[in-house]
Structure formats: structure tokens, C-alpha cells
Amino acid sequence: MAAGLFVLIYSFKCVMGKREGFIVGGDYVRNLTYFPWAGFLLFNGYDESYGCGSSILNQDILITAANCFTFNDFFEITATVGHKDKYQGYVYRVEAYKLHSEWDIFTMSHDIALCKLKKKLYLRHYVKRLILMVRPPKEKTAELVGWGAIEEIRFKDTKLIKTVYQKLWTREKCKEVLYELPEGTICGGEENGSDFPSSGDTGSGLVIRRLIIVGVYSYKDIRVSRSLGVYTNVSYFYDWIKRSSRQLKCD
């Protein structure tokens, strides 16, 4: 959903070959009170800038994907919250970040990261935290929101946030389609669907009941499907998230 992210995805494709860390279709969000935990991360680089999605864990910490940090020629990261337009809203500087120590760009395993804000978020009507659970309720569908590309052929972007429903797959069923599924991941979407995450949605939160996070968008294997997404299972990394959040806040 961000034009600048074309650079990130283009580079990512060069490294990863057929894997893209890339909402096409879906719906524009009319009322952000349904998704007040959504945040847009802008990576300001020396040559180019690009964007990723994120979610508010608390007043200090946002959760996103590690692969957003793979090309680290950026000098500043900002987080925008509280508005449907990624160029408006409340802007906070990211003071520090932490990637999982076992993050691997070649296998896409442990694709999870946390950002610490320089100043605490002021929670309000359009800015709220979501819920992280060890054992979230079992649901058949979830929702993803993000500012990614809305058309993949020409990488057409939008400044407005969109949402898309994702059918949740069992890990066993997903492995029948995606043979190289990393540990600690879940699948969402349709094998041959028209609504799916795309460039710029990396790091966006996958939620159930519009307030419980179950996943972070990681990538898709375009050799198999453009509409079936792989998400980092946040429950699998619950202990790491809790421990790393404390470390970031204390540093």
C-alpha cells in the first residue's frame, strides 16, 4: 500500500527469488474505531523510503515483522497512528527496535520484531492497544488492515487504510499447499482469491474479534498463490514478546 515499498519488495525479490513479503481488493476502513491499534511505520532511508504495518501492544511498544528491517539503510523510523490516512494522524519516533535473534531471511522463520517509541502513546478514541493472548479463541476467519498496494501489476498504492478478511487454515492443511512453511506460522486467505495482502502490508496485524492479535503478516510464496498469506503466530512467540518488551522498556 505504499509506493516507496516497491523498492523494498523489489530488493526482497532479488534476494529471495520467488518469495514476496508483500491490500489488493478488500474494503476501505470507514471508521478507525474498529481498528484503533493499527500503526503505519515509515522507514526513512538515505536513497528511498518504504513503509510497513504494525500494531499497538501498549503505550511504548509496537509489534511488526522482522523482514521490515532487512534492508537497514534507513536513518529514521516513525510510527503514525490514529488516522485512516497514513500521511495524517499522530507521529511518533521509534527510539529502538528488537528483531528475533533467530530471524532468517532465507527461510522466513522467526519473522517478528518490536519497536519502542521515544515518547509514550497517548491513548484515545482512535488510538488503543490490542490484546495478546497465549491461547486466543479459535475462529475460522480473521481481519487484516494495512496501507499496502491495492494493485500489484503496477504497484498502485493508496494513502488510506484498507481491511480484508482472511480465512484461517490449520497448519496441517496449509502444509499440504506450502511445503516450506516455517515453524511458528499460520496461514490466512484463499488459495485462489481476489482479496489479499500486498506490498506494504508486511508487519500488519491479523486480528480476531477486532481486538485480539493472532498473527503478523510475513510473506507469500507466489510460486503457489498470490492470495494465500503466511503470518507469524504471535501466540507461539508469546514469551519472546513479553520478555523483549520488558527489555526494550528498561533499556
Protein backbone atom coordinates (compact mmCIF):
# COMPACT_ATOMS: atom_id res chain seq x y z
CA MET A 1 0.00 0.00 0.00
CA ALA A 2 2.99 2.36 -0.08
CA ALA A 3 4.72 3.30 -3.30
CA GLY A 4 8.08 3.52 -1.59
CA LEU A 5 7.84 -0.08 -0.50
CA PHE A 6 8.25 -1.14 -4.13
CA VAL A 7 11.96 -0.69 -3.54
CA LEU A 8 11.90 -2.95 -0.52
CA ILE A 9 9.87 -5.63 -2.27
CA TYR A 10 11.91 -5.40 -5.43
CA SER A 11 15.11 -5.89 -3.44
CA PHE A 12 13.46 -8.61 -1.41
CA LYS A 13 12.50 -10.49 -4.56
CA CYS A 14 16.08 -10.24 -5.79
CA VAL A 15 17.30 -11.87 -2.60
CA MET A 16 14.52 -14.34 -2.07
CA GLY A 17 13.69 -15.34 -5.63
CA LYS A 18 10.07 -16.47 -5.72
CA ARG A 19 9.06 -15.28 -2.25
CA GLU A 20 7.49 -11.87 -1.75
CA GLY A 21 6.99 -10.10 1.57
CA PHE A 22 4.35 -8.14 0.04
CA ILE A 23 -4.45 -4.94 0.44
CA VAL A 24 -5.48 -5.93 -3.04
CA GLY A 25 -9.26 -5.96 -3.08
CA GLY A 26 -10.75 -5.74 0.40
CA ASP A 27 -12.54 -2.64 1.69
CA TYR A 28 -11.55 0.82 2.79
CA VAL A 29 -11.90 1.36 6.54
CA ARG A 30 -14.70 3.86 7.16
CA ASN A 31 -14.37 4.05 10.93
CA LEU A 32 -10.98 3.66 12.59
CA THR A 33 -12.63 2.94 15.94
CA TYR A 34 -12.82 -0.66 14.69
CA PHE A 35 -9.03 -0.77 14.25
CA PRO A 36 -7.55 1.86 16.62
CA TRP A 37 -4.47 -0.30 17.23
CA ALA A 38 -3.19 -0.06 13.64
CA GLY A 39 0.06 1.80 13.03
CA PHE A 40 1.98 2.77 9.89
CA LEU A 41 5.77 2.51 10.08
CA LEU A 42 7.77 4.76 7.75
CA PHE A 43 11.42 3.83 7.22
CA ASN A 44 13.20 6.95 6.03
CA GLY A 45 16.25 5.93 4.01
CA TYR A 46 19.18 7.78 2.51
CA ASP A 47 18.05 6.89 -1.02
CA GLU A 48 14.50 5.64 -0.65
CA SER A 49 11.79 5.35 1.99
CA TYR A 50 9.35 2.50 2.49
CA GLY A 51 6.52 1.51 4.77
CA CYS A 52 5.30 -1.42 6.84
CA GLY A 53 2.33 -2.16 9.05
CA SER A 54 2.38 -2.52 12.84
CA SER A 55 0.07 -2.94 15.81
CA ILE A 56 -0.05 -1.26 19.22
CA LEU A 57 0.82 -3.64 22.06
CA ASN A 58 0.97 -0.91 24.70
CA GLN A 59 1.86 2.77 25.06
CA ASP A 60 5.54 2.04 24.41
CA ILE A 61 5.70 -0.95 22.07
CA LEU A 62 4.51 -1.78 18.55
CA ILE A 63 4.73 -5.25 17.03
CA THR A 64 5.69 -5.82 13.39
CA ALA A 65 7.72 -8.15 11.13
CA ALA A 66 11.49 -8.58 11.22
CA ASN A 67 11.73 -8.54 7.44
CA CYS A 68 10.76 -4.85 7.51
CA PHE A 69 14.27 -4.21 8.86
CA THR A 70 16.17 -6.42 6.40
CA PHE A 71 17.41 -3.55 4.25
CA ASN A 72 18.64 -1.29 7.01
CA ASP A 73 19.90 1.69 5.05
CA PHE A 74 17.38 3.83 6.93
CA PHE A 75 18.30 6.59 9.34
CA GLU A 76 14.92 7.10 11.00
CA ILE A 77 11.70 5.19 11.68
CA THR A 78 8.44 6.93 12.52
CA ALA A 79 5.08 5.47 13.52
CA THR A 80 1.80 7.12 12.55
CA VAL A 81 -1.36 6.18 14.47
CA GLY A 82 -4.89 7.45 14.96
CA HIS A 83 -5.89 8.17 11.36
CA LYS A 84 -7.04 6.32 8.23
CA ASP A 85 -4.65 8.41 6.14
CA LYS A 86 -1.03 7.34 6.61
CA TYR A 87 0.12 10.92 5.99
CA GLN A 88 -2.01 12.30 8.81
CA GLY A 89 -2.54 11.24 12.39
CA TYR A 90 -0.15 11.31 15.34
CA VAL A 91 3.51 10.75 14.51
CA TYR A 92 5.95 9.19 16.96
CA ARG A 93 9.64 8.45 16.50
CA VAL A 94 10.87 4.91 17.01
CA GLU A 95 13.70 5.02 19.52
CA ALA A 96 14.77 1.37 19.41
CA TYR A 97 13.78 -1.95 17.92
CA LYS A 98 14.43 -5.63 18.52
CA LEU A 99 14.36 -8.45 15.99
CA HIS A 100 14.13 -12.09 16.99
CA SER A 101 17.67 -13.43 17.26
CA GLU A 102 16.76 -16.42 15.06
CA TRP A 103 15.20 -14.37 12.24
CA ASP A 104 16.31 -15.87 8.92
CA ILE A 105 15.64 -14.10 5.63
CA PHE A 106 16.18 -17.27 3.61
CA THR A 107 13.68 -19.46 5.48
CA MET A 108 11.50 -16.55 6.72
CA SER A 109 11.43 -18.16 10.15
CA HIS A 110 11.06 -16.11 13.36
CA ASP A 111 9.78 -13.13 11.36
CA ILE A 112 8.84 -10.93 14.29
CA ALA A 113 10.06 -7.61 15.70
CA LEU A 114 9.17 -4.99 18.28
CA CYS A 115 9.54 -1.20 18.13
CA LYS A 116 9.93 1.05 21.14
CA LEU A 117 8.61 4.58 20.79
CA LYS A 118 10.60 7.56 22.04
CA LYS A 119 7.51 9.02 23.70
CA LYS A 120 4.57 7.13 25.15
CA LEU A 121 1.43 6.90 23.04
CA TYR A 122 -1.46 8.98 24.28
CA LEU A 123 -4.36 6.54 24.15
CA ARG A 124 -7.62 8.00 22.90
CA HIS A 125 -10.68 7.20 20.77
CA TYR A 126 -8.67 6.28 17.66
CA VAL A 127 -5.53 5.09 19.43
CA LYS A 128 -5.85 1.94 21.53
CA ARG A 129 -3.89 -1.18 22.28
CA LEU A 130 -4.95 -4.64 21.22
CA ILE A 131 -4.97 -7.88 23.20
CA LEU A 132 -2.22 -10.51 23.10
CA MET A 133 -3.18 -13.94 24.41
CA VAL A 134 -1.35 -17.22 24.98
CA ARG A 135 -4.42 -19.15 23.83
CA PRO A 136 -6.72 -16.95 21.76
CA PRO A 137 -10.25 -18.16 20.93
CA LYS A 138 -10.45 -20.41 17.88
CA GLU A 139 -12.04 -18.62 14.93
CA LYS A 140 -12.49 -19.52 11.27
CA THR A 141 -11.74 -16.02 9.94
CA ALA A 142 -9.65 -13.02 10.93
CA GLU A 143 -9.10 -9.50 9.63
CA LEU A 144 -6.01 -7.75 8.38
CA VAL A 145 -5.69 -3.98 7.99
CA GLY A 146 -2.89 -2.13 6.27
CA TRP A 147 -1.73 0.55 3.88
CA GLY A 148 -0.17 -1.77 1.28
CA ALA A 149 -0.52 -1.86 -2.51
CA ILE A 150 -4.02 -2.04 -3.94
CA GLU A 151 -2.88 -3.28 -7.36
CA GLU A 152 0.19 -5.46 -7.79
CA ILE A 153 0.87 -5.24 -11.53
CA ARG A 154 1.70 -1.52 -11.49
CA PHE A 155 2.12 -1.38 -7.71
CA LYS A 156 -0.65 1.18 -7.34
CA ASP A 157 -0.80 2.42 -3.78
CA THR A 158 -3.22 4.23 -1.50
CA LYS A 159 -2.79 6.59 1.41
CA LEU A 160 -5.93 5.20 3.08
CA ILE A 161 -6.08 2.10 5.22
CA LYS A 162 -7.93 -0.97 3.97
CA THR A 163 -9.17 -4.18 5.55
CA VAL A 164 -9.52 -7.71 4.25
CA TYR A 165 -10.97 -10.88 5.76
CA GLN A 166 -8.69 -13.90 5.83
CA LYS A 167 -9.84 -17.49 6.16
CA LEU A 168 -7.70 -19.19 8.79
CA TRP A 169 -6.12 -22.50 7.84
CA THR A 170 -4.99 -25.27 10.10
CA ARG A 171 -1.24 -25.66 9.99
CA GLU A 172 -1.63 -29.21 8.70
CA LYS A 173 -3.86 -28.09 5.83
CA CYS A 174 -1.53 -25.25 4.95
CA LYS A 175 1.50 -27.53 4.80
CA GLU A 176 -0.28 -29.51 2.09
CA VAL A 177 -0.06 -26.39 -0.08
CA LEU A 178 3.04 -24.62 1.24
CA TYR A 179 5.66 -27.27 1.82
CA GLU A 180 8.30 -24.90 3.23
CA LEU A 181 6.16 -23.45 5.99
CA PRO A 182 8.36 -22.04 8.79
CA GLU A 183 7.78 -23.12 12.38
CA GLY A 184 5.63 -20.72 14.37
CA THR A 185 3.49 -19.56 11.45
CA ILE A 186 -0.15 -19.77 10.38
CA CYS A 187 -1.84 -19.28 7.01
CA GLY A 188 -4.68 -16.98 6.04
CA GLY A 189 -6.63 -16.21 2.88
CA GLU A 190 -7.70 -18.21 -0.14
CA GLU A 191 -5.56 -20.26 -2.46
CA ASN A 192 -7.15 -18.53 -5.46
CA GLY A 193 -8.67 -15.36 -4.04
CA SER A 194 -9.07 -11.77 -5.20
CA ASP A 195 -8.66 -10.08 -1.79
CA PHE A 196 -5.25 -10.38 -0.17
CA PRO A 197 -2.33 -8.52 1.48
CA SER A 198 0.28 -6.99 -0.77
CA SER A 199 3.32 -4.73 -0.87
CA GLY A 200 3.40 -2.53 2.22
CA ASP A 201 1.22 -4.77 4.36
CA THR A 202 4.20 -6.61 5.81
CA GLY A 203 4.11 -6.39 9.60
CA SER A 204 0.38 -5.63 9.74
CA GLY A 205 -1.64 -7.37 12.44
CA LEU A 206 -4.06 -10.23 11.81
CA VAL A 207 -6.83 -9.98 14.39
CA ILE A 208 -9.96 -11.77 15.53
CA ARG A 209 -12.97 -10.03 17.10
CA ARG A 210 -11.26 -6.80 16.04
CA LEU A 211 -9.13 -6.64 19.19
CA ILE A 212 -7.16 -9.90 19.65
CA ILE A 213 -3.99 -10.25 17.60
CA VAL A 214 -3.23 -13.73 16.30
CA GLY A 215 -0.68 -13.03 13.58
CA VAL A 216 1.74 -10.62 11.91
CA TYR A 217 1.83 -10.63 8.10
CA SER A 218 5.11 -12.11 6.91
CA TYR A 219 5.13 -13.17 3.24
CA LYS A 220 3.53 -15.20 0.46
CA ASP A 221 5.03 -17.74 -1.90
CA ILE A 222 3.94 -16.58 -5.36
CA ARG A 223 5.01 -19.89 -6.88
CA VAL A 224 1.96 -21.32 -5.13
CA SER A 225 -0.50 -18.47 -4.60
CA ARG A 226 -0.66 -14.67 -4.56
CA SER A 227 -3.64 -14.70 -2.19
CA LEU A 228 -2.53 -17.17 0.49
CA GLY A 229 -0.54 -15.35 3.15
CA VAL A 230 1.83 -16.63 5.80
CA TYR A 231 1.62 -14.99 9.22
CA THR A 232 3.88 -15.17 12.23
CA ASN A 233 1.87 -16.81 15.01
CA VAL A 234 2.12 -14.36 17.90
CA SER A 235 0.92 -16.92 20.46
CA TYR A 236 3.87 -19.11 19.52
CA PHE A 237 6.18 -16.20 20.34
CA TYR A 238 4.23 -15.01 23.40
CA ASP A 239 7.13 -15.47 25.84
CA TRP A 240 9.59 -13.77 23.49
CA ILE A 241 7.23 -10.82 23.03
CA LYS A 242 6.74 -10.37 26.77
CA ARG A 243 10.44 -10.72 27.57
CA SER A 244 11.61 -8.49 24.72
CA SER A 245 9.03 -5.81 25.53
CA ARG A 246 10.37 -5.58 29.06
CA GLN A 247 13.95 -5.42 27.81
CA LEU A 248 13.17 -2.61 25.38
CA LYS A 249 11.31 -0.60 28.02
CA CYS A 250 14.14 -0.98 30.51
CA ASP A 251 17.00 -0.14 28.14
